[in-house]
Amino acid sequence: MKPQEIKDLTDAERQEKLQDFNQELFNLRFQHSTAQLENTQRLSQVRKTIARIKTIINEKKTGTGHGK
């Protein structure tokens, strides 16, 4: 997800997306450990998306957003 897409979501939707991506990361790690993961790039993509969501949630809480 792009940062603007995340910013456009409501707080509840962001939390839901965060849970979804955390679950996906868990599943990807499990597949990776059992050598069933075909697209290993997806691991880093999901981690980065989780970081983006957490960053935007933190910015909203503290009011220190960099965007307009």
C-alpha atoms as a PDB file:
ATOM      1  CA  MET A   1       0.000   0.000   0.000  1.00  0.00           C
ATOM      2  CA  LYS A   2       1.133   3.504  -0.718  1.00  0.00           C
ATOM      3  CA  PRO A   3       1.352   6.009   2.162  1.00  0.00           C
ATOM      4  CA  GLN A   4      -1.442   8.158   0.737  1.00  0.00           C
ATOM      5  CA  GLU A   5      -3.779   5.161   0.586  1.00  0.00           C
ATOM      6  CA  ILE A   6      -3.060   4.471   4.256  1.00  0.00           C
ATOM      7  CA  LYS A   7      -3.617   8.119   5.209  1.00  0.00           C
ATOM      8  CA  ASP A   8      -6.997   8.096   3.477  1.00  0.00           C
ATOM      9  CA  LEU A   9      -8.229   5.230   5.698  1.00  0.00           C
ATOM     10  CA  THR A  10     -10.035   5.757   8.991  1.00  0.00           C
ATOM     11  CA  ASP A  11      -8.364   4.799  12.274  1.00  0.00           C
ATOM     12  CA  ALA A  12     -10.410   1.602  12.509  1.00  0.00           C
ATOM     13  CA  GLU A  13      -9.576   0.645   8.926  1.00  0.00           C
ATOM     14  CA  ARG A  14      -5.861   1.229   9.599  1.00  0.00           C
ATOM     15  CA  GLN A  15      -5.997  -1.053  12.628  1.00  0.00           C
ATOM     16  CA  GLU A  16      -7.795  -3.685  10.576  1.00  0.00           C
ATOM     17  CA  LYS A  17      -5.210  -3.461   7.777  1.00  0.00           C
ATOM     18  CA  LEU A  18      -2.430  -3.706  10.360  1.00  0.00           C
ATOM     19  CA  GLN A  19      -3.940  -6.906  11.745  1.00  0.00           C
ATOM     20  CA  ASP A  20      -4.372  -8.305   8.226  1.00  0.00           C
ATOM     21  CA  PHE A  21      -0.757  -7.602   7.287  1.00  0.00           C
ATOM     22  CA  ASN A  22       0.538  -9.003  10.584  1.00  0.00           C
ATOM     23  CA  GLN A  23      -1.406 -12.201   9.906  1.00  0.00           C
ATOM     24  CA  GLU A  24      -0.051 -12.335   6.367  1.00  0.00           C
ATOM     25  CA  LEU A  25       3.498 -11.840   7.676  1.00  0.00           C
ATOM     26  CA  PHE A  26       2.992 -14.715  10.116  1.00  0.00           C
ATOM     27  CA  ASN A  27       1.772 -16.958   7.296  1.00  0.00           C
ATOM     28  CA  LEU A  28       4.638 -15.939   5.011  1.00  0.00           C
ATOM     29  CA  ARG A  29       7.210 -16.651   7.726  1.00  0.00           C
ATOM     30  CA  PHE A  30       5.653 -20.045   8.312  1.00  0.00           C
ATOM     31  CA  GLN A  31       5.723 -20.852   4.596  1.00  0.00           C
ATOM     32  CA  HIS A  32       9.316 -19.626   4.381  1.00  0.00           C
ATOM     33  CA  SER A  33      10.441 -21.832   7.262  1.00  0.00           C
ATOM     34  CA  THR A  34       8.843 -24.896   5.649  1.00  0.00           C
ATOM     35  CA  ALA A  35      10.360 -24.041   2.240  1.00  0.00           C
ATOM     36  CA  GLN A  36       6.951 -23.520   0.636  1.00  0.00           C
ATOM     37  CA  LEU A  37       7.294 -19.800  -0.063  1.00  0.00           C
ATOM     38  CA  GLU A  38       7.736 -19.036  -3.753  1.00  0.00           C
ATOM     39  CA  ASN A  39       7.793 -15.214  -3.691  1.00  0.00           C
ATOM     40  CA  THR A  40      10.326 -14.309  -1.006  1.00  0.00           C
ATOM     41  CA  GLN A  41      10.128 -10.612  -1.912  1.00  0.00           C
ATOM     42  CA  ARG A  42       6.644 -10.529  -0.427  1.00  0.00           C
ATOM     43  CA  LEU A  43       8.181 -10.830   3.060  1.00  0.00           C
ATOM     44  CA  SER A  44       9.986  -7.497   2.775  1.00  0.00           C
ATOM     45  CA  GLN A  45       7.002  -5.849   1.074  1.00  0.00           C
ATOM     46  CA  VAL A  46       4.688  -6.824   3.936  1.00  0.00           C
ATOM     47  CA  ARG A  47       7.214  -5.724   6.577  1.00  0.00           C
ATOM     48  CA  LYS A  48       7.574  -2.328   4.905  1.00  0.00           C
ATOM     49  CA  THR A  49       3.802  -1.917   4.641  1.00  0.00           C
ATOM     50  CA  ILE A  50       3.422  -2.734   8.353  1.00  0.00           C
ATOM     51  CA  ALA A  51       6.074  -0.126   9.144  1.00  0.00           C
ATOM     52  CA  ARG A  52       4.262   2.457   6.997  1.00  0.00           C
ATOM     53  CA  ILE A  53       0.959   1.801   8.736  1.00  0.00           C
ATOM     54  CA  LYS A  54       2.550   2.020  12.192  1.00  0.00           C
ATOM     55  CA  THR A  55       4.348   5.232  11.248  1.00  0.00           C
ATOM     56  CA  ILE A  56       1.158   6.882  10.026  1.00  0.00           C
ATOM     57  CA  ILE A  57      -0.762   5.734  13.119  1.00  0.00           C
ATOM     58  CA  ASN A  58       1.978   7.251  15.292  1.00  0.00           C
ATOM     59  CA  GLU A  59       1.963  10.479  13.287  1.00  0.00           C
ATOM     60  CA  LYS A  60      -1.793  10.791  13.710  1.00  0.00           C
ATOM     61  CA  LYS A  61      -1.497  10.239  17.483  1.00  0.00           C
ATOM     62  CA  THR A  62       1.261  12.811  17.945  1.00  0.00           C
ATOM     63  CA  GLY A  63       0.113  15.221  15.242  1.00  0.00           C
ATOM     64  CA  THR A  64       3.513  15.271  13.570  1.00  0.00           C
ATOM     65  CA  GLY A  65       2.499  14.276  10.054  1.00  0.00           C
ATOM     66  CA  HIS A  66       4.794  15.364   7.261  1.00  0.00           C
ATOM     67  CA  GLY A  67       2.128  15.429   4.583  1.00  0.00           C
ATOM     68  CA  LYS A  68      -0.297  18.215   3.782  1.00  0.00           C
END
